[in-house]
PDB file of N, CA and C in Angstrom:
ATOM      1  N   MET A   1       3.755  -7.218  10.104  1.00  0.00           N
ATOM      2  CA  MET A   1       2.931  -7.108   8.915  1.00  0.00           C
ATOM      3  C   MET A   1       3.805  -6.618   7.768  1.00  0.00           C
ATOM      4  N   LYS A   2       3.557  -7.160   6.598  1.00  0.00           N
ATOM      5  CA  LYS A   2       4.294  -6.728   5.410  1.00  0.00           C
ATOM      6  C   LYS A   2       3.321  -6.159   4.386  1.00  0.00           C
ATOM      7  N   ILE A   3       3.596  -4.912   3.965  1.00  0.00           N
ATOM      8  CA  ILE A   3       2.813  -4.256   2.917  1.00  0.00           C
ATOM      9  C   ILE A   3       3.731  -4.079   1.720  1.00  0.00           C
ATOM     10  N   THR A   4       3.287  -4.577   0.569  1.00  0.00           N
ATOM     11  CA  THR A   4       4.071  -4.470  -0.656  1.00  0.00           C
ATOM     12  C   THR A   4       3.266  -3.699  -1.692  1.00  0.00           C
ATOM     13  N   VAL A   5       3.917  -2.713  -2.301  1.00  0.00           N
ATOM     14  CA  VAL A   5       3.268  -1.867  -3.308  1.00  0.00           C
ATOM     15  C   VAL A   5       3.944  -2.101  -4.649  1.00  0.00           C
ATOM     16  N   CYS A   6       3.153  -2.328  -5.687  1.00  0.00           N
ATOM     17  CA  CYS A   6       3.702  -2.473  -7.029  1.00  0.00           C
ATOM     18  C   CYS A   6       4.229  -1.118  -7.503  1.00  0.00           C
ATOM     19  N   ILE A   7       5.440  -1.131  -8.025  1.00  0.00           N
ATOM     20  CA  ILE A   7       6.028   0.087  -8.580  1.00  0.00           C
ATOM     21  C   ILE A   7       6.347  -0.102 -10.061  1.00  0.00           C
ATOM     22  N   GLY A   8       5.697  -1.082 -10.668  1.00  0.00           N
ATOM     23  CA  GLY A   8       5.862  -1.309 -12.100  1.00  0.00           C
ATOM     24  C   GLY A   8       5.257  -0.157 -12.896  1.00  0.00           C
ATOM     25  N   SER A   9       5.479  -0.164 -14.204  1.00  0.00           N
ATOM     26  CA  SER A   9       5.100   0.992 -15.032  1.00  0.00           C
ATOM     27  C   SER A   9       3.610   1.306 -14.980  1.00  0.00           C
ATOM     28  N   SER A  10       2.728   0.325 -15.043  1.00  0.00           N
ATOM     29  CA  SER A  10       1.294   0.596 -15.034  1.00  0.00           C
ATOM     30  C   SER A  10       0.858   1.189 -13.693  1.00  0.00           C
ATOM     31  N   CYS A  11       1.321   0.605 -12.609  1.00  0.00           N
ATOM     32  CA  CYS A  11       0.955   1.124 -11.286  1.00  0.00           C
ATOM     33  C   CYS A  11       1.621   2.480 -11.035  1.00  0.00           C
ATOM     34  N   HIS A  12       2.809   2.674 -11.569  1.00  0.00           N
ATOM     35  CA  HIS A  12       3.477   3.970 -11.426  1.00  0.00           C
ATOM     36  C   HIS A  12       2.622   5.071 -12.062  1.00  0.00           C
ATOM     37  N   ILE A  13       2.100   4.793 -13.247  1.00  0.00           N
ATOM     38  CA  ILE A  13       1.249   5.763 -13.943  1.00  0.00           C
ATOM     39  C   ILE A  13      -0.026   6.034 -13.142  1.00  0.00           C
ATOM     40  N   LYS A  14      -0.515   5.025 -12.424  1.00  0.00           N
ATOM     41  CA  LYS A  14      -1.754   5.172 -11.654  1.00  0.00           C
ATOM     42  C   LYS A  14      -1.528   5.752 -10.261  1.00  0.00           C
ATOM     43  N   GLY A  15      -0.269   6.069  -9.918  1.00  0.00           N
ATOM     44  CA  GLY A  15      -0.014   6.764  -8.659  1.00  0.00           C
ATOM     45  C   GLY A  15       0.693   5.995  -7.566  1.00  0.00           C
ATOM     46  N   SER A  16       1.454   4.962  -7.918  1.00  0.00           N
ATOM     47  CA  SER A  16       2.108   4.183  -6.866  1.00  0.00           C
ATOM     48  C   SER A  16       3.070   5.023  -6.022  1.00  0.00           C
ATOM     49  N   ARG A  17       3.719   6.017  -6.612  1.00  0.00           N
ATOM     50  CA  ARG A  17       4.633   6.859  -5.833  1.00  0.00           C
ATOM     51  C   ARG A  17       3.869   7.597  -4.731  1.00  0.00           C
ATOM     52  N   GLN A  18       2.691   8.128  -5.062  1.00  0.00           N
ATOM     53  CA  GLN A  18       1.881   8.819  -4.067  1.00  0.00           C
ATOM     54  C   GLN A  18       1.361   7.850  -2.999  1.00  0.00           C
ATOM     55  N   VAL A  19       1.000   6.636  -3.416  1.00  0.00           N
ATOM     56  CA  VAL A  19       0.521   5.623  -2.472  1.00  0.00           C
ATOM     57  C   VAL A  19       1.634   5.275  -1.486  1.00  0.00           C
ATOM     58  N   VAL A  20       2.838   5.060  -1.982  1.00  0.00           N
ATOM     59  CA  VAL A  20       3.974   4.743  -1.104  1.00  0.00           C
ATOM     60  C   VAL A  20       4.228   5.888  -0.137  1.00  0.00           C
ATOM     61  N   SER A  21       4.257   7.097  -0.647  1.00  0.00           N
ATOM     62  CA  SER A  21       4.512   8.267   0.187  1.00  0.00           C
ATOM     63  C   SER A  21       3.465   8.404   1.293  1.00  0.00           C
ATOM     64  N   GLU A  22       2.216   8.235   0.936  1.00  0.00           N
ATOM     65  CA  GLU A  22       1.137   8.343   1.927  1.00  0.00           C
ATOM     66  C   GLU A  22       1.212   7.211   2.946  1.00  0.00           C
ATOM     67  N   LEU A  23       1.514   5.990   2.494  1.00  0.00           N
ATOM     68  CA  LEU A  23       1.654   4.868   3.435  1.00  0.00           C
ATOM     69  C   LEU A  23       2.808   5.116   4.405  1.00  0.00           C
ATOM     70  N   GLN A  24       3.916   5.658   3.913  1.00  0.00           N
ATOM     71  CA  GLN A  24       5.042   5.976   4.794  1.00  0.00           C
ATOM     72  C   GLN A  24       4.602   6.952   5.879  1.00  0.00           C
ATOM     73  N   SER A  25       3.860   7.972   5.496  1.00  0.00           N
ATOM     74  CA  SER A  25       3.368   8.964   6.462  1.00  0.00           C
ATOM     75  C   SER A  25       2.399   8.341   7.458  1.00  0.00           C
ATOM     76  N   LEU A  26       1.467   7.545   6.965  1.00  0.00           N
ATOM     77  CA  LEU A  26       0.477   6.916   7.843  1.00  0.00           C
ATOM     78  C   LEU A  26       1.126   5.954   8.832  1.00  0.00           C
ATOM     79  N   ILE A  27       2.103   5.198   8.365  1.00  0.00           N
ATOM     80  CA  ILE A  27       2.824   4.284   9.248  1.00  0.00           C
ATOM     81  C   ILE A  27       3.552   5.072  10.336  1.00  0.00           C
ATOM     82  N   ALA A  28       4.241   6.131   9.958  1.00  0.00           N
ATOM     83  CA  ALA A  28       4.973   6.958  10.923  1.00  0.00           C
ATOM     84  C   ALA A  28       4.019   7.648  11.897  1.00  0.00           C
ATOM     85  N   ASN A  29       2.946   8.237  11.380  1.00  0.00           N
ATOM     86  CA  ASN A  29       2.001   8.974  12.229  1.00  0.00           C
ATOM     87  C   ASN A  29       1.280   8.085  13.234  1.00  0.00           C
ATOM     88  N   ASN A  30       1.186   6.799  12.928  1.00  0.00           N
ATOM     89  CA  ASN A  30       0.538   5.854  13.831  1.00  0.00           C
ATOM     90  C   ASN A  30       1.535   5.034  14.643  1.00  0.00           C
ATOM     91  N   ASN A  31       2.787   5.460  14.622  1.00  0.00           N
ATOM     92  CA  ASN A  31       3.858   4.805  15.393  1.00  0.00           C
ATOM     93  C   ASN A  31       3.930   3.302  15.132  1.00  0.00           C
ATOM     94  N   LEU A  32       3.888   2.928  13.845  1.00  0.00           N
ATOM     95  CA  LEU A  32       3.905   1.514  13.468  1.00  0.00           C
ATOM     96  C   LEU A  32       5.162   1.124  12.694  1.00  0.00           C
ATOM     97  N   LYS A  33       6.198   1.963  12.754  1.00  0.00           N
ATOM     98  CA  LYS A  33       7.426   1.668  11.992  1.00  0.00           C
ATOM     99  C   LYS A  33       8.050   0.335  12.383  1.00  0.00           C
ATOM    100  N   ASP A  34       7.922  -0.043  13.647  1.00  0.00           N
ATOM    101  CA  ASP A  34       8.496  -1.311  14.101  1.00  0.00           C
ATOM    102  C   ASP A  34       7.584  -2.499  13.821  1.00  0.00           C
ATOM    103  N   GLU A  35       6.351  -2.212  13.438  1.00  0.00           N
ATOM    104  CA  GLU A  35       5.361  -3.273  13.228  1.00  0.00           C
ATOM    105  C   GLU A  35       5.115  -3.597  11.759  1.00  0.00           C
ATOM    106  N   ILE A  36       5.395  -2.635  10.873  1.00  0.00           N
ATOM    107  CA  ILE A  36       5.060  -2.795   9.458  1.00  0.00           C
ATOM    108  C   ILE A  36       6.303  -2.661   8.601  1.00  0.00           C
ATOM    109  N   GLU A  37       6.490  -3.635   7.727  1.00  0.00           N
ATOM    110  CA  GLU A  37       7.554  -3.580   6.721  1.00  0.00           C
ATOM    111  C   GLU A  37       6.905  -3.156   5.406  1.00  0.00           C
ATOM    112  N   LEU A  38       7.317  -1.998   4.894  1.00  0.00           N
ATOM    113  CA  LEU A  38       6.787  -1.483   3.636  1.00  0.00           C
ATOM    114  C   LEU A  38       7.817  -1.711   2.546  1.00  0.00           C
ATOM    115  N   GLY A  39       7.405  -2.385   1.479  1.00  0.00           N
ATOM    116  CA  GLY A  39       8.332  -2.683   0.391  1.00  0.00           C
ATOM    117  C   GLY A  39       7.695  -2.454  -0.962  1.00  0.00           C
ATOM    118  N   GLY A  40       8.518  -2.517  -1.977  1.00  0.00           N
ATOM    119  CA  GLY A  40       8.051  -2.363  -3.346  1.00  0.00           C
ATOM    120  C   GLY A  40       8.376  -3.605  -4.154  1.00  0.00           C
ATOM    121  N   THR A  41       7.645  -3.790  -5.227  1.00  0.00           N
ATOM    122  CA  THR A  41       7.891  -4.904  -6.131  1.00  0.00           C
ATOM    123  C   THR A  41       7.474  -4.473  -7.528  1.00  0.00           C
ATOM    124  N   PHE A  42       7.922  -5.216  -8.504  1.00  0.00           N
ATOM    125  CA  PHE A  42       7.476  -4.930  -9.856  1.00  0.00           C
ATOM    126  C   PHE A  42       6.222  -5.744 -10.143  1.00  0.00           C
ATOM    127  N   CYS A  43       5.747  -5.736 -11.322  1.00  0.00           N
ATOM    128  CA  CYS A  43       4.415  -6.190 -11.720  1.00  0.00           C
ATOM    129  C   CYS A  43       3.882  -7.398 -10.940  1.00  0.00           C
ATOM    130  N   MET A  44       2.648  -7.223 -10.433  1.00  0.00           N
ATOM    131  CA  MET A  44       1.942  -8.286  -9.728  1.00  0.00           C
ATOM    132  C   MET A  44       0.958  -8.994 -10.655  1.00  0.00           C
ATOM    133  N   GLY A  45       0.875  -8.530 -11.909  1.00  0.00           N
ATOM    134  CA  GLY A  45       0.033  -9.185 -12.897  1.00  0.00           C
ATOM    135  C   GLY A  45      -1.431  -8.783 -12.888  1.00  0.00           C
ATOM    136  N   LYS A  46      -1.771  -7.744 -12.146  1.00  0.00           N
ATOM    137  CA  LYS A  46      -3.167  -7.297 -12.090  1.00  0.00           C
ATOM    138  C   LYS A  46      -3.220  -5.819 -12.460  1.00  0.00           C
ATOM    139  N   CYS A  47      -2.620  -5.499 -13.583  1.00  0.00           N
ATOM    140  CA  CYS A  47      -2.413  -4.101 -13.995  1.00  0.00           C
ATOM    141  C   CYS A  47      -3.701  -3.307 -14.154  1.00  0.00           C
ATOM    142  N   GLN A  48      -4.804  -3.950 -14.457  1.00  0.00           N
ATOM    143  CA  GLN A  48      -6.067  -3.240 -14.652  1.00  0.00           C
ATOM    144  C   GLN A  48      -6.684  -2.793 -13.329  1.00  0.00           C
ATOM    145  N   SER A  49      -6.182  -3.304 -12.239  1.00  0.00           N
ATOM    146  CA  SER A  49      -6.815  -3.086 -10.937  1.00  0.00           C
ATOM    147  C   SER A  49      -6.378  -1.821 -10.214  1.00  0.00           C
ATOM    148  N   GLY A  50      -5.584  -0.998 -10.822  1.00  0.00           N
ATOM    149  CA  GLY A  50      -5.094   0.187 -10.109  1.00  0.00           C
ATOM    150  C   GLY A  50      -3.750  -0.113  -9.490  1.00  0.00           C
ATOM    151  N   VAL A  51      -3.375   0.632  -8.484  1.00  0.00           N
ATOM    152  CA  VAL A  51      -2.101   0.364  -7.813  1.00  0.00           C
ATOM    153  C   VAL A  51      -2.292  -0.901  -6.984  1.00  0.00           C
ATOM    154  N   CYS A  52      -1.504  -1.917  -7.307  1.00  0.00           N
ATOM    155  CA  CYS A  52      -1.610  -3.202  -6.629  1.00  0.00           C
ATOM    156  C   CYS A  52      -0.834  -3.160  -5.309  1.00  0.00           C
ATOM    157  N   VAL A  53      -1.511  -3.554  -4.235  1.00  0.00           N
ATOM    158  CA  VAL A  53      -0.914  -3.558  -2.904  1.00  0.00           C
ATOM    159  C   VAL A  53      -1.283  -4.876  -2.237  1.00  0.00           C
ATOM    160  N   THR A  54      -0.318  -5.498  -1.575  1.00  0.00           N
ATOM    161  CA  THR A  54      -0.636  -6.673  -0.775  1.00  0.00           C
ATOM    162  C   THR A  54      -0.349  -6.367   0.685  1.00  0.00           C
ATOM    163  N   VAL A  55      -1.215  -6.893   1.546  1.00  0.00           N
ATOM    164  CA  VAL A  55      -1.021  -6.835   2.991  1.00  0.00           C
ATOM    165  C   VAL A  55      -0.923  -8.284   3.436  1.00  0.00           C
ATOM    166  N   ASP A  56       0.282  -8.688   3.839  1.00  0.00           N
ATOM    167  CA  ASP A  56       0.523 -10.092   4.182  1.00  0.00           C
ATOM    168  C   ASP A  56      -0.027 -11.019   3.097  1.00  0.00           C
ATOM    169  N   ASP A  57       0.307 -10.725   1.841  1.00  0.00           N
ATOM    170  CA  ASP A  57      -0.038 -11.513   0.663  1.00  0.00           C
ATOM    171  C   ASP A  57      -1.522 -11.460   0.264  1.00  0.00           C
ATOM    172  N   GLU A  58      -2.320 -10.607   0.899  1.00  0.00           N
ATOM    173  CA  GLU A  58      -3.716 -10.419   0.504  1.00  0.00           C
ATOM    174  C   GLU A  58      -3.787  -9.210  -0.428  1.00  0.00           C
ATOM    175  N   PHE A  59      -4.328  -9.414  -1.626  1.00  0.00           N
ATOM    176  CA  PHE A  59      -4.331  -8.381  -2.662  1.00  0.00           C
ATOM    177  C   PHE A  59      -5.381  -7.300  -2.425  1.00  0.00           C
ATOM    178  N   HIS A  60      -4.986  -6.052  -2.730  1.00  0.00           N
ATOM    179  CA  HIS A  60      -5.892  -4.906  -2.669  1.00  0.00           C
ATOM    180  C   HIS A  60      -5.577  -3.985  -3.836  1.00  0.00           C
ATOM    181  N   SER A  61      -6.582  -3.278  -4.310  1.00  0.00           N
ATOM    182  CA  SER A  61      -6.400  -2.246  -5.317  1.00  0.00           C
ATOM    183  C   SER A  61      -6.543  -0.905  -4.619  1.00  0.00           C
ATOM    184  N   VAL A  62      -5.510  -0.068  -4.721  1.00  0.00           N
ATOM    185  CA  VAL A  62      -5.464   1.196  -3.981  1.00  0.00           C
ATOM    186  C   VAL A  62      -5.207   2.327  -4.963  1.00  0.00           C
ATOM    187  N   THR A  63      -5.750   3.490  -4.657  1.00  0.00           N
ATOM    188  CA  THR A  63      -5.475   4.690  -5.443  1.00  0.00           C
ATOM    189  C   THR A  63      -4.933   5.754  -4.493  1.00  0.00           C
ATOM    190  N   PRO A  64      -4.289   6.782  -5.033  1.00  0.00           N
ATOM    191  CA  PRO A  64      -3.840   7.870  -4.152  1.00  0.00           C
ATOM    192  C   PRO A  64      -5.010   8.498  -3.381  1.00  0.00           C
ATOM    193  N   GLU A  65      -6.195   8.459  -3.968  1.00  0.00           N
ATOM    194  CA  GLU A  65      -7.368   9.055  -3.329  1.00  0.00           C
ATOM    195  C   GLU A  65      -7.931   8.212  -2.184  1.00  0.00           C
ATOM    196  N   ASN A  66      -7.766   6.883  -2.238  1.00  0.00           N
ATOM    197  CA  ASN A  66      -8.367   6.053  -1.190  1.00  0.00           C
ATOM    198  C   ASN A  66      -7.348   5.382  -0.265  1.00  0.00           C
ATOM    199  N   VAL A  67      -6.084   5.782  -0.355  1.00  0.00           N
ATOM    200  CA  VAL A  67      -5.059   5.106   0.438  1.00  0.00           C
ATOM    201  C   VAL A  67      -5.282   5.273   1.943  1.00  0.00           C
ATOM    202  N   LYS A  68      -5.741   6.427   2.377  1.00  0.00           N
ATOM    203  CA  LYS A  68      -5.975   6.632   3.813  1.00  0.00           C
ATOM    204  C   LYS A  68      -7.104   5.722   4.303  1.00  0.00           C
ATOM    205  N   ASP A  69      -8.177   5.647   3.539  1.00  0.00           N
ATOM    206  CA  ASP A  69      -9.297   4.769   3.885  1.00  0.00           C
ATOM    207  C   ASP A  69      -8.846   3.310   3.895  1.00  0.00           C
ATOM    208  N   PHE A  70      -8.074   2.921   2.883  1.00  0.00           N
ATOM    209  CA  PHE A  70      -7.518   1.565   2.815  1.00  0.00           C
ATOM    210  C   PHE A  70      -6.699   1.267   4.068  1.00  0.00           C
ATOM    211  N   PHE A  71      -5.829   2.200   4.457  1.00  0.00           N
ATOM    212  CA  PHE A  71      -4.954   1.996   5.617  1.00  0.00           C
ATOM    213  C   PHE A  71      -5.783   1.790   6.886  1.00  0.00           C
ATOM    214  N   GLU A  72      -6.799   2.617   7.061  1.00  0.00           N
ATOM    215  CA  GLU A  72      -7.637   2.508   8.259  1.00  0.00           C
ATOM    216  C   GLU A  72      -8.400   1.194   8.305  1.00  0.00           C
ATOM    217  N   LYS A  73      -8.938   0.752   7.149  1.00  0.00           N
ATOM    218  CA  LYS A  73      -9.782  -0.440   7.123  1.00  0.00           C
ATOM    219  C   LYS A  73      -9.005  -1.754   7.046  1.00  0.00           C
ATOM    220  N   GLU A  74      -7.834  -1.731   6.400  1.00  0.00           N
ATOM    221  CA  GLU A  74      -7.110  -2.977   6.171  1.00  0.00           C
ATOM    222  C   GLU A  74      -5.846  -3.143   7.019  1.00  0.00           C
ATOM    223  N   VAL A  75      -5.353  -2.048   7.571  1.00  0.00           N
ATOM    224  CA  VAL A  75      -4.104  -2.125   8.341  1.00  0.00           C
ATOM    225  C   VAL A  75      -4.329  -1.775   9.801  1.00  0.00           C
ATOM    226  N   LEU A  76      -4.820  -0.588  10.073  1.00  0.00           N
ATOM    227  CA  LEU A  76      -4.984  -0.144  11.472  1.00  0.00           C
ATOM    228  C   LEU A  76      -5.840  -1.077  12.300  1.00  0.00           C
ATOM    229  N   VAL A  77      -6.899  -1.611  11.714  1.00  0.00           N
ATOM    230  CA  VAL A  77      -7.806  -2.487  12.485  1.00  0.00           C
ATOM    231  C   VAL A  77      -7.079  -3.714  13.024  1.00  0.00           C
ATOM    232  N   LYS A  78      -6.002  -4.114  12.398  1.00  0.00           N
ATOM    233  CA  LYS A  78      -5.265  -5.297  12.841  1.00  0.00           C
ATOM    234  C   LYS A  78      -4.359  -4.999  14.031  1.00  0.00           C
ATOM    235  N   PHE A  79      -4.248  -3.726  14.401  1.00  0.00           N
ATOM    236  CA  PHE A  79      -3.406  -3.341  15.529  1.00  0.00           C
ATOM    237  C   PHE A  79      -4.223  -2.839  16.706  1.00  0.00           C
ATOM    238  N   LYS A  80      -5.538  -2.985  16.631  1.00  0.00           N
ATOM    239  CA  LYS A  80      -6.403  -2.525  17.738  1.00  0.00           C
ATOM    240  C   LYS A  80      -6.887  -3.665  18.567  1.00  0.00           C
TER     241      LYS A  80
END
């Protein structure tokens, strides 16, 4: 699985650094380092949507406040 987080200026202001940090922790805590490739990219063109994140090219809007919920609903379920 590939998760890509926008680190462009708009998403950076909306908390992309915190989203990346939390995703790194969640991936490690769930022993998924060998299963998930976490990467960054610049503008995805949906700046109004919050921190832009794709999971295998499927777009999601994530905030530092909902990243754990996002991970459980959009990532973990695919490994159960």
